[in-house]
Amino acid sequence: MKRAQVKALLLSLLLLGAASAERVYRVQPGDTLWKLAQQNGVTVAMLQDMNDMSGQMLEVGQVLKLPGGTDTARVVQEDAPVFQRGTAVYYGGRANAQTSMTAAHLSLPFGTWVRVTHSSTGRSVDVLINDRGPFGVPGRIIDLSREAASVLGIVSQGVAPVTLTVLSRP
């Protein structure tokens, strides 16, 4: 085989490998399957197949597989162990350009993604730590933005038992 043929073969294998790679993506407000498919050069049907989806409904915070390499900013560990148990409350939240699903925690580094699961209902939401708190009440382990509390279903309760699972750290 000539040197040029070997280079062409290696390049095509590299491109094929990159095309078959997947990355994870956390659904943001305003995302649709159509928009994500356009942005990633695939069809809606391909995204549905990659994610074992039958419908087109997306939920903010939902994790999707997308074509094209590894998303090093937020690699999701689906089987991560429970990090902390306690109660969650909600507050106004600190604004973030990346997501409205934010939270305050006393010690986790800013930029950490955490899955908050309501212990009684099993509902969960993935939030970005971008503030400090809660302060003053033992047992309260996280302050959720109003949007995250709404997804979790605790706005009317005010306080709820939760578990925290660290999905990724900055």
N, C-alpha and C. Protein backbone atom coordinates (compact mmCIF):
# COMPACT_ATOMS: atom_id res chain seq x y z
N MET A 1 0.84 -1.18 0.00
CA MET A 1 0.00 0.00 0.00
C MET A 1 0.89 1.24 0.00
N LYS A 2 0.50 2.22 -0.78
CA LYS A 2 1.27 3.45 -0.85
C LYS A 2 0.99 4.30 0.37
N ARG A 3 1.94 5.17 0.66
CA ARG A 3 1.85 6.05 1.83
C ARG A 3 0.57 6.91 1.80
N ALA A 4 0.21 7.45 0.65
CA ALA A 4 -0.98 8.28 0.52
C ALA A 4 -2.25 7.46 0.80
N GLN A 5 -2.26 6.19 0.37
CA GLN A 5 -3.41 5.33 0.62
C GLN A 5 -3.54 5.02 2.12
N VAL A 6 -2.41 4.81 2.78
CA VAL A 6 -2.42 4.53 4.21
C VAL A 6 -2.95 5.75 4.97
N LYS A 7 -2.48 6.94 4.59
CA LYS A 7 -2.96 8.17 5.23
C LYS A 7 -4.47 8.32 5.03
N ALA A 8 -4.95 8.08 3.82
CA ALA A 8 -6.38 8.21 3.53
C ALA A 8 -7.19 7.20 4.34
N LEU A 9 -6.68 5.98 4.45
CA LEU A 9 -7.36 4.95 5.22
C LEU A 9 -7.42 5.33 6.70
N LEU A 10 -6.30 5.80 7.24
CA LEU A 10 -6.28 6.21 8.65
C LEU A 10 -7.22 7.38 8.91
N LEU A 11 -7.24 8.34 8.00
CA LEU A 11 -8.13 9.48 8.15
C LEU A 11 -9.59 9.05 8.11
N SER A 12 -9.95 8.16 7.20
CA SER A 12 -11.34 7.71 7.13
C SER A 12 -11.73 6.91 8.37
N LEU A 13 -10.82 6.10 8.91
CA LEU A 13 -11.11 5.37 10.15
C LEU A 13 -11.29 6.32 11.32
N LEU A 14 -10.46 7.35 11.37
CA LEU A 14 -10.59 8.35 12.43
C LEU A 14 -11.92 9.07 12.35
N LEU A 15 -12.32 9.45 11.14
CA LEU A 15 -13.60 10.13 10.96
C LEU A 15 -14.77 9.22 11.30
N LEU A 16 -14.69 7.94 10.93
CA LEU A 16 -15.76 7.01 11.27
C LEU A 16 -15.87 6.83 12.78
N GLY A 17 -14.75 6.75 13.46
CA GLY A 17 -14.75 6.61 14.92
C GLY A 17 -15.35 7.83 15.58
N ALA A 18 -15.04 9.01 15.11
CA ALA A 18 -15.59 10.24 15.68
C ALA A 18 -17.07 10.35 15.43
N ALA A 19 -17.52 9.89 14.25
CA ALA A 19 -18.94 9.98 13.93
C ALA A 19 -19.78 9.05 14.78
N SER A 20 -19.21 7.93 15.24
CA SER A 20 -19.99 6.98 16.02
C SER A 20 -19.93 7.27 17.51
N ALA A 21 -19.08 8.17 17.92
CA ALA A 21 -18.96 8.48 19.35
C ALA A 21 -20.20 9.22 19.83
N GLU A 22 -20.47 9.11 21.13
CA GLU A 22 -21.61 9.79 21.71
C GLU A 22 -21.14 10.68 22.84
N ARG A 23 -21.94 11.70 23.14
CA ARG A 23 -21.71 12.55 24.29
C ARG A 23 -23.03 12.75 24.99
N VAL A 24 -22.98 13.18 26.23
CA VAL A 24 -24.22 13.42 26.96
C VAL A 24 -24.52 14.90 26.98
N TYR A 25 -25.81 15.20 27.05
CA TYR A 25 -26.25 16.58 27.06
C TYR A 25 -27.43 16.68 28.02
N ARG A 26 -27.46 17.74 28.81
CA ARG A 26 -28.55 17.98 29.74
C ARG A 26 -29.51 18.99 29.09
N VAL A 27 -30.78 18.62 28.96
CA VAL A 27 -31.79 19.44 28.29
C VAL A 27 -31.96 20.77 29.04
N GLN A 28 -31.95 21.85 28.27
CA GLN A 28 -32.10 23.20 28.80
C GLN A 28 -33.47 23.75 28.44
N PRO A 29 -33.94 24.78 29.15
CA PRO A 29 -35.22 25.39 28.79
C PRO A 29 -35.21 25.84 27.32
N GLY A 30 -36.28 25.54 26.60
CA GLY A 30 -36.39 25.93 25.19
C GLY A 30 -35.88 24.89 24.21
N ASP A 31 -35.22 23.84 24.69
CA ASP A 31 -34.74 22.79 23.79
C ASP A 31 -35.89 21.97 23.24
N THR A 32 -35.78 21.57 22.00
CA THR A 32 -36.71 20.63 21.37
C THR A 32 -35.88 19.58 20.66
N LEU A 33 -36.48 18.42 20.40
CA LEU A 33 -35.75 17.39 19.66
C LEU A 33 -35.37 17.90 18.27
N TRP A 34 -36.27 18.66 17.64
CA TRP A 34 -36.00 19.21 16.32
C TRP A 34 -34.76 20.11 16.35
N LYS A 35 -34.71 21.01 17.33
CA LYS A 35 -33.59 21.94 17.46
C LYS A 35 -32.28 21.18 17.72
N LEU A 36 -32.32 20.22 18.64
CA LEU A 36 -31.11 19.44 18.95
C LEU A 36 -30.67 18.60 17.75
N ALA A 37 -31.63 18.06 17.00
CA ALA A 37 -31.29 17.28 15.82
C ALA A 37 -30.60 18.17 14.78
N GLN A 38 -31.15 19.37 14.54
CA GLN A 38 -30.54 20.30 13.59
C GLN A 38 -29.12 20.68 14.01
N GLN A 39 -28.95 20.99 15.30
CA GLN A 39 -27.65 21.42 15.80
C GLN A 39 -26.60 20.32 15.69
N ASN A 40 -27.03 19.06 15.70
CA ASN A 40 -26.09 17.94 15.70
C ASN A 40 -26.04 17.18 14.38
N GLY A 41 -26.74 17.70 13.37
CA GLY A 41 -26.67 17.11 12.03
C GLY A 41 -27.29 15.74 11.91
N VAL A 42 -28.34 15.47 12.70
CA VAL A 42 -29.03 14.19 12.65
C VAL A 42 -30.53 14.45 12.55
N THR A 43 -31.30 13.39 12.38
CA THR A 43 -32.75 13.53 12.34
C THR A 43 -33.34 13.33 13.74
N VAL A 44 -34.58 13.76 13.91
CA VAL A 44 -35.28 13.55 15.18
C VAL A 44 -35.37 12.05 15.46
N ALA A 45 -35.66 11.26 14.41
CA ALA A 45 -35.77 9.80 14.58
C ALA A 45 -34.46 9.20 15.09
N MET A 46 -33.33 9.72 14.60
CA MET A 46 -32.02 9.22 15.06
C MET A 46 -31.82 9.54 16.55
N LEU A 47 -32.19 10.77 16.98
CA LEU A 47 -32.08 11.11 18.40
C LEU A 47 -32.98 10.23 19.24
N GLN A 48 -34.20 9.97 18.76
CA GLN A 48 -35.12 9.11 19.49
C GLN A 48 -34.54 7.71 19.63
N ASP A 49 -33.95 7.18 18.55
CA ASP A 49 -33.34 5.85 18.60
C ASP A 49 -32.15 5.81 19.56
N MET A 50 -31.31 6.84 19.52
CA MET A 50 -30.13 6.89 20.40
C MET A 50 -30.52 6.89 21.87
N ASN A 51 -31.72 7.46 22.17
CA ASN A 51 -32.14 7.65 23.55
C ASN A 51 -33.33 6.77 23.94
N ASP A 52 -33.66 5.78 23.11
CA ASP A 52 -34.78 4.86 23.39
C ASP A 52 -36.05 5.63 23.74
N MET A 53 -36.38 6.65 22.93
CA MET A 53 -37.55 7.49 23.17
C MET A 53 -38.62 7.15 22.13
N SER A 54 -39.88 7.13 22.57
CA SER A 54 -40.97 6.93 21.61
C SER A 54 -41.66 8.25 21.27
N GLY A 55 -41.70 9.18 22.24
CA GLY A 55 -42.34 10.47 22.01
C GLY A 55 -41.33 11.57 21.76
N GLN A 56 -41.83 12.81 21.72
CA GLN A 56 -40.96 13.95 21.47
C GLN A 56 -40.88 14.90 22.65
N MET A 57 -41.46 14.53 23.79
CA MET A 57 -41.43 15.40 24.96
C MET A 57 -40.07 15.34 25.63
N LEU A 58 -39.53 16.53 25.94
CA LEU A 58 -38.29 16.64 26.69
C LEU A 58 -38.58 17.36 27.99
N GLU A 59 -37.83 17.02 29.04
CA GLU A 59 -37.95 17.71 30.32
C GLU A 59 -36.63 18.40 30.61
N VAL A 60 -36.71 19.61 31.13
CA VAL A 60 -35.49 20.34 31.49
C VAL A 60 -34.72 19.51 32.50
N GLY A 61 -33.42 19.36 32.27
CA GLY A 61 -32.58 18.55 33.14
C GLY A 61 -32.43 17.12 32.67
N GLN A 62 -33.28 16.68 31.74
CA GLN A 62 -33.20 15.32 31.21
C GLN A 62 -31.85 15.13 30.52
N VAL A 63 -31.27 13.95 30.64
CA VAL A 63 -29.98 13.65 30.02
C VAL A 63 -30.23 12.92 28.71
N LEU A 64 -29.65 13.43 27.63
CA LEU A 64 -29.75 12.81 26.31
C LEU A 64 -28.38 12.44 25.79
N LYS A 65 -28.34 11.39 24.99
CA LYS A 65 -27.13 11.06 24.24
C LYS A 65 -27.20 11.81 22.93
N LEU A 66 -26.10 12.44 22.55
CA LEU A 66 -26.00 13.14 21.28
C LEU A 66 -24.78 12.60 20.53
N PRO A 67 -24.79 12.68 19.22
CA PRO A 67 -23.62 12.20 18.47
C PRO A 67 -22.44 13.14 18.65
N GLY A 68 -21.23 12.57 18.61
CA GLY A 68 -20.05 13.41 18.52
C GLY A 68 -19.18 13.59 19.72
N GLY A 69 -18.45 12.58 20.13
CA GLY A 69 -17.42 12.77 21.15
C GLY A 69 -17.95 12.86 22.55
N THR A 70 -17.06 13.25 23.47
CA THR A 70 -17.40 13.32 24.88
C THR A 70 -17.61 14.75 25.30
N ASP A 71 -18.67 15.00 26.02
CA ASP A 71 -18.93 16.32 26.60
C ASP A 71 -18.15 16.38 27.91
N THR A 72 -16.96 16.92 27.87
CA THR A 72 -16.10 16.89 29.04
C THR A 72 -16.57 17.83 30.13
N ALA A 73 -17.43 18.77 29.80
CA ALA A 73 -17.90 19.70 30.82
C ALA A 73 -18.84 19.04 31.81
N ARG A 74 -19.66 18.11 31.31
CA ARG A 74 -20.64 17.49 32.20
C ARG A 74 -20.83 16.03 31.84
N VAL A 75 -19.90 15.19 32.17
CA VAL A 75 -20.05 13.76 31.95
C VAL A 75 -20.92 13.24 33.08
N VAL A 76 -22.00 12.57 32.73
CA VAL A 76 -22.97 12.15 33.73
C VAL A 76 -22.67 10.75 34.23
N GLN A 77 -22.62 10.60 35.52
CA GLN A 77 -22.44 9.29 36.14
C GLN A 77 -23.82 8.83 36.61
N GLU A 78 -24.49 8.00 35.80
CA GLU A 78 -25.85 7.58 36.11
C GLU A 78 -25.91 6.68 37.34
N ASP A 79 -24.83 5.95 37.63
CA ASP A 79 -24.84 5.00 38.74
C ASP A 79 -24.12 5.53 39.97
N ALA A 80 -24.00 6.83 40.08
CA ALA A 80 -23.29 7.44 41.20
C ALA A 80 -24.02 7.16 42.52
N PRO A 81 -23.28 6.97 43.61
CA PRO A 81 -23.91 6.70 44.90
C PRO A 81 -24.51 7.97 45.51
N VAL A 82 -25.41 7.78 46.48
CA VAL A 82 -26.00 8.91 47.20
C VAL A 82 -24.90 9.63 47.96
N PHE A 83 -24.85 10.94 47.80
CA PHE A 83 -23.84 11.77 48.44
C PHE A 83 -24.30 12.27 49.80
N GLN A 84 -25.59 12.63 49.91
CA GLN A 84 -26.10 13.24 51.13
C GLN A 84 -27.61 13.07 51.22
N ARG A 85 -28.12 12.97 52.46
CA ARG A 85 -29.57 12.89 52.71
C ARG A 85 -29.94 13.99 53.68
N GLY A 86 -31.12 14.57 53.48
CA GLY A 86 -31.59 15.64 54.35
C GLY A 86 -32.84 16.27 53.78
N THR A 87 -33.01 17.56 54.01
CA THR A 87 -34.19 18.25 53.47
C THR A 87 -33.76 19.36 52.52
N ALA A 88 -34.66 19.62 51.58
CA ALA A 88 -34.44 20.68 50.60
C ALA A 88 -35.50 21.75 50.81
N VAL A 89 -35.11 22.99 50.57
CA VAL A 89 -36.03 24.12 50.56
C VAL A 89 -35.78 24.86 49.25
N TYR A 90 -36.62 25.84 48.96
CA TYR A 90 -36.35 26.62 47.75
C TYR A 90 -36.31 28.10 48.09
N TYR A 91 -35.61 28.81 47.22
CA TYR A 91 -35.44 30.26 47.37
C TYR A 91 -35.43 30.86 45.98
N GLY A 92 -35.24 32.13 45.88
CA GLY A 92 -35.27 32.80 44.58
C GLY A 92 -34.26 32.28 43.59
N GLY A 93 -33.13 31.82 44.08
CA GLY A 93 -32.10 31.29 43.19
C GLY A 93 -31.19 32.37 42.68
N ARG A 94 -29.99 31.99 42.33
CA ARG A 94 -29.02 32.91 41.73
C ARG A 94 -29.03 32.68 40.23
N ALA A 95 -29.13 33.74 39.45
CA ALA A 95 -29.21 33.64 38.00
C ALA A 95 -27.97 32.96 37.42
N ASN A 96 -28.20 32.19 36.36
CA ASN A 96 -27.12 31.52 35.65
C ASN A 96 -27.49 31.48 34.18
N ALA A 97 -26.58 31.85 33.31
CA ALA A 97 -26.86 31.88 31.87
C ALA A 97 -27.03 30.49 31.30
N GLN A 98 -26.45 29.48 31.96
CA GLN A 98 -26.47 28.12 31.44
C GLN A 98 -27.80 27.41 31.69
N THR A 99 -28.39 27.62 32.87
CA THR A 99 -29.61 26.91 33.23
C THR A 99 -30.35 27.64 34.35
N SER A 100 -31.67 27.41 34.42
CA SER A 100 -32.44 27.95 35.54
C SER A 100 -32.54 26.93 36.67
N MET A 101 -32.05 25.73 36.42
CA MET A 101 -32.06 24.66 37.42
C MET A 101 -30.80 24.78 38.27
N THR A 102 -30.86 25.67 39.26
CA THR A 102 -29.69 25.95 40.09
C THR A 102 -30.00 25.66 41.55
N ALA A 103 -28.93 25.65 42.36
CA ALA A 103 -29.10 25.39 43.79
C ALA A 103 -27.92 25.93 44.56
N ALA A 104 -28.14 26.06 45.87
CA ALA A 104 -27.09 26.47 46.79
C ALA A 104 -26.75 25.29 47.70
N HIS A 105 -25.45 25.08 47.93
CA HIS A 105 -24.99 24.02 48.82
C HIS A 105 -23.84 24.58 49.64
N LEU A 106 -23.70 24.10 50.86
CA LEU A 106 -22.67 24.64 51.74
C LEU A 106 -21.25 24.32 51.31
N SER A 107 -21.00 23.13 50.74
CA SER A 107 -19.61 22.75 50.50
C SER A 107 -19.27 22.30 49.09
N LEU A 108 -20.23 21.90 48.29
CA LEU A 108 -19.90 21.43 46.94
C LEU A 108 -19.35 22.57 46.10
N PRO A 109 -18.35 22.31 45.27
CA PRO A 109 -17.76 23.37 44.45
C PRO A 109 -18.79 23.93 43.45
N PHE A 110 -18.68 25.23 43.19
CA PHE A 110 -19.51 25.83 42.15
C PHE A 110 -19.24 25.10 40.84
N GLY A 111 -20.29 24.90 40.07
CA GLY A 111 -20.15 24.18 38.80
C GLY A 111 -20.42 22.70 38.92
N THR A 112 -20.69 22.20 40.12
CA THR A 112 -21.02 20.79 40.32
C THR A 112 -22.47 20.55 39.92
N TRP A 113 -22.72 19.47 39.18
CA TRP A 113 -24.09 19.06 38.85
C TRP A 113 -24.52 18.00 39.84
N VAL A 114 -25.71 18.18 40.41
CA VAL A 114 -26.23 17.28 41.44
C VAL A 114 -27.64 16.85 41.05
N ARG A 115 -27.93 15.56 41.24
CA ARG A 115 -29.30 15.08 41.07
C ARG A 115 -29.96 15.10 42.45
N VAL A 116 -31.06 15.84 42.56
CA VAL A 116 -31.83 15.94 43.79
C VAL A 116 -33.08 15.07 43.61
N THR A 117 -33.25 14.07 44.48
CA THR A 117 -34.37 13.15 44.37
C THR A 117 -35.26 13.30 45.60
N HIS A 118 -36.54 13.54 45.37
CA HIS A 118 -37.53 13.65 46.44
C HIS A 118 -37.70 12.25 47.03
N SER A 119 -37.39 12.08 48.30
CA SER A 119 -37.41 10.75 48.93
C SER A 119 -38.81 10.14 48.98
N SER A 120 -39.85 10.95 49.05
CA SER A 120 -41.22 10.42 49.15
C SER A 120 -41.84 10.09 47.81
N THR A 121 -41.54 10.88 46.77
CA THR A 121 -42.21 10.70 45.48
C THR A 121 -41.32 10.04 44.43
N GLY A 122 -40.00 10.10 44.62
CA GLY A 122 -39.08 9.56 43.61
C GLY A 122 -38.78 10.52 42.47
N ARG A 123 -39.45 11.67 42.42
CA ARG A 123 -39.18 12.65 41.37
C ARG A 123 -37.78 13.21 41.57
N SER A 124 -37.12 13.55 40.46
CA SER A 124 -35.76 14.09 40.58
C SER A 124 -35.55 15.22 39.59
N VAL A 125 -34.55 16.04 39.91
CA VAL A 125 -34.16 17.15 39.05
C VAL A 125 -32.65 17.30 39.16
N ASP A 126 -32.00 17.61 38.05
CA ASP A 126 -30.56 17.85 38.05
C ASP A 126 -30.32 19.35 38.14
N VAL A 127 -29.49 19.76 39.09
CA VAL A 127 -29.25 21.19 39.32
C VAL A 127 -27.76 21.50 39.30
N LEU A 128 -27.46 22.75 38.98
CA LEU A 128 -26.09 23.25 38.97
C LEU A 128 -25.86 24.03 40.26
N ILE A 129 -24.82 23.69 41.01
CA ILE A 129 -24.49 24.42 42.23
C ILE A 129 -23.81 25.73 41.84
N ASN A 130 -24.45 26.86 42.21
CA ASN A 130 -23.88 28.17 41.87
C ASN A 130 -24.03 29.18 43.01
N ASP A 131 -24.32 28.68 44.23
CA ASP A 131 -24.51 29.58 45.36
C ASP A 131 -24.20 28.81 46.64
N ARG A 132 -24.13 29.52 47.77
CA ARG A 132 -23.89 28.90 49.07
C ARG A 132 -25.15 28.97 49.91
N GLY A 133 -25.37 27.95 50.71
CA GLY A 133 -26.52 27.85 51.60
C GLY A 133 -26.89 26.39 51.69
N PRO A 134 -27.92 26.02 52.37
CA PRO A 134 -28.74 26.83 53.27
C PRO A 134 -28.03 27.04 54.60
N PHE A 135 -28.36 28.12 55.24
CA PHE A 135 -27.73 28.47 56.51
C PHE A 135 -28.74 28.40 57.65
N GLY A 136 -28.27 28.01 58.84
CA GLY A 136 -29.04 28.17 60.06
C GLY A 136 -29.93 27.04 60.51
N VAL A 137 -30.33 26.12 59.62
CA VAL A 137 -31.23 25.05 60.03
C VAL A 137 -30.55 23.70 59.77
N PRO A 138 -30.16 23.00 60.83
CA PRO A 138 -29.52 21.68 60.66
C PRO A 138 -30.46 20.73 59.90
N GLY A 139 -29.90 19.93 59.06
CA GLY A 139 -30.70 18.97 58.29
C GLY A 139 -31.06 19.48 56.91
N ARG A 140 -31.09 20.79 56.73
CA ARG A 140 -31.34 21.33 55.39
C ARG A 140 -30.03 21.30 54.62
N ILE A 141 -30.04 20.55 53.53
CA ILE A 141 -28.78 20.32 52.83
C ILE A 141 -28.67 21.07 51.51
N ILE A 142 -29.80 21.57 50.98
CA ILE A 142 -29.74 22.25 49.69
C ILE A 142 -30.89 23.24 49.56
N ASP A 143 -30.59 24.40 48.96
CA ASP A 143 -31.59 25.41 48.59
C ASP A 143 -31.76 25.31 47.07
N LEU A 144 -32.97 25.06 46.62
CA LEU A 144 -33.24 24.93 45.19
C LEU A 144 -33.81 26.21 44.62
N SER A 145 -33.50 26.50 43.35
CA SER A 145 -34.18 27.61 42.67
C SER A 145 -35.66 27.26 42.56
N ARG A 146 -36.48 28.27 42.40
CA ARG A 146 -37.93 28.03 42.31
C ARG A 146 -38.25 27.08 41.15
N GLU A 147 -37.56 27.23 40.03
CA GLU A 147 -37.80 26.38 38.87
C GLU A 147 -37.48 24.92 39.19
N ALA A 148 -36.36 24.67 39.86
CA ALA A 148 -35.99 23.31 40.22
C ALA A 148 -36.97 22.73 41.24
N ALA A 149 -37.39 23.55 42.20
CA ALA A 149 -38.36 23.10 43.20
C ALA A 149 -39.69 22.76 42.54
N SER A 150 -40.06 23.50 41.52
CA SER A 150 -41.30 23.24 40.80
C SER A 150 -41.23 21.88 40.09
N VAL A 151 -40.12 21.61 39.42
CA VAL A 151 -39.94 20.32 38.74
C VAL A 151 -39.98 19.18 39.76
N LEU A 152 -39.41 19.40 40.92
CA LEU A 152 -39.38 18.38 41.97
C LEU A 152 -40.75 18.24 42.65
N GLY A 153 -41.59 19.26 42.50
CA GLY A 153 -42.92 19.21 43.08
C GLY A 153 -42.98 19.60 44.55
N ILE A 154 -42.08 20.51 45.00
CA ILE A 154 -42.06 20.87 46.42
C ILE A 154 -42.44 22.32 46.69
N VAL A 155 -42.89 23.05 45.69
CA VAL A 155 -43.21 24.46 45.90
C VAL A 155 -44.31 24.61 46.94
N SER A 156 -45.35 23.78 46.87
CA SER A 156 -46.45 23.89 47.83
C SER A 156 -46.04 23.38 49.21
N GLN A 157 -45.12 22.41 49.27
CA GLN A 157 -44.65 21.87 50.54
C GLN A 157 -43.68 22.82 51.24
N GLY A 158 -42.82 23.44 50.46
CA GLY A 158 -41.80 24.33 51.02
C GLY A 158 -40.54 23.60 51.43
N VAL A 159 -40.68 22.49 52.14
CA VAL A 159 -39.55 21.68 52.60
C VAL A 159 -39.86 20.23 52.25
N ALA A 160 -38.85 19.49 51.79
CA ALA A 160 -39.08 18.09 51.43
C ALA A 160 -37.85 17.25 51.72
N PRO A 161 -38.04 15.97 52.05
CA PRO A 161 -36.91 15.07 52.25
C PRO A 161 -36.30 14.70 50.89
N VAL A 162 -34.97 14.78 50.79
CA VAL A 162 -34.30 14.52 49.51
C VAL A 162 -33.00 13.74 49.72
N THR A 163 -32.52 13.19 48.62
CA THR A 163 -31.17 12.64 48.56
C THR A 163 -30.43 13.38 47.45
N LEU A 164 -29.14 13.57 47.63
CA LEU A 164 -28.30 14.22 46.62
C LEU A 164 -27.33 13.20 46.05
N THR A 165 -27.19 13.22 44.75
CA THR A 165 -26.23 12.40 44.05
C THR A 165 -25.38 13.32 43.18
N VAL A 166 -24.07 13.29 43.37
CA VAL A 166 -23.18 14.12 42.56
C VAL A 166 -23.03 13.48 41.19
N LEU A 167 -23.40 14.21 40.13
CA LEU A 167 -23.30 13.72 38.76
C LEU A 167 -21.96 14.08 38.14
N SER A 168 -21.50 15.31 38.38
CA SER A 168 -20.21 15.71 37.84
C SER A 168 -19.68 16.89 38.64
N ARG A 169 -18.38 16.97 38.70
CA ARG A 169 -17.71 18.08 39.37
C ARG A 169 -16.94 18.87 38.33
N PRO A 170 -16.74 20.18 38.59
CA PRO A 170 -16.02 20.99 37.59
C PRO A 170 -14.57 20.56 37.45
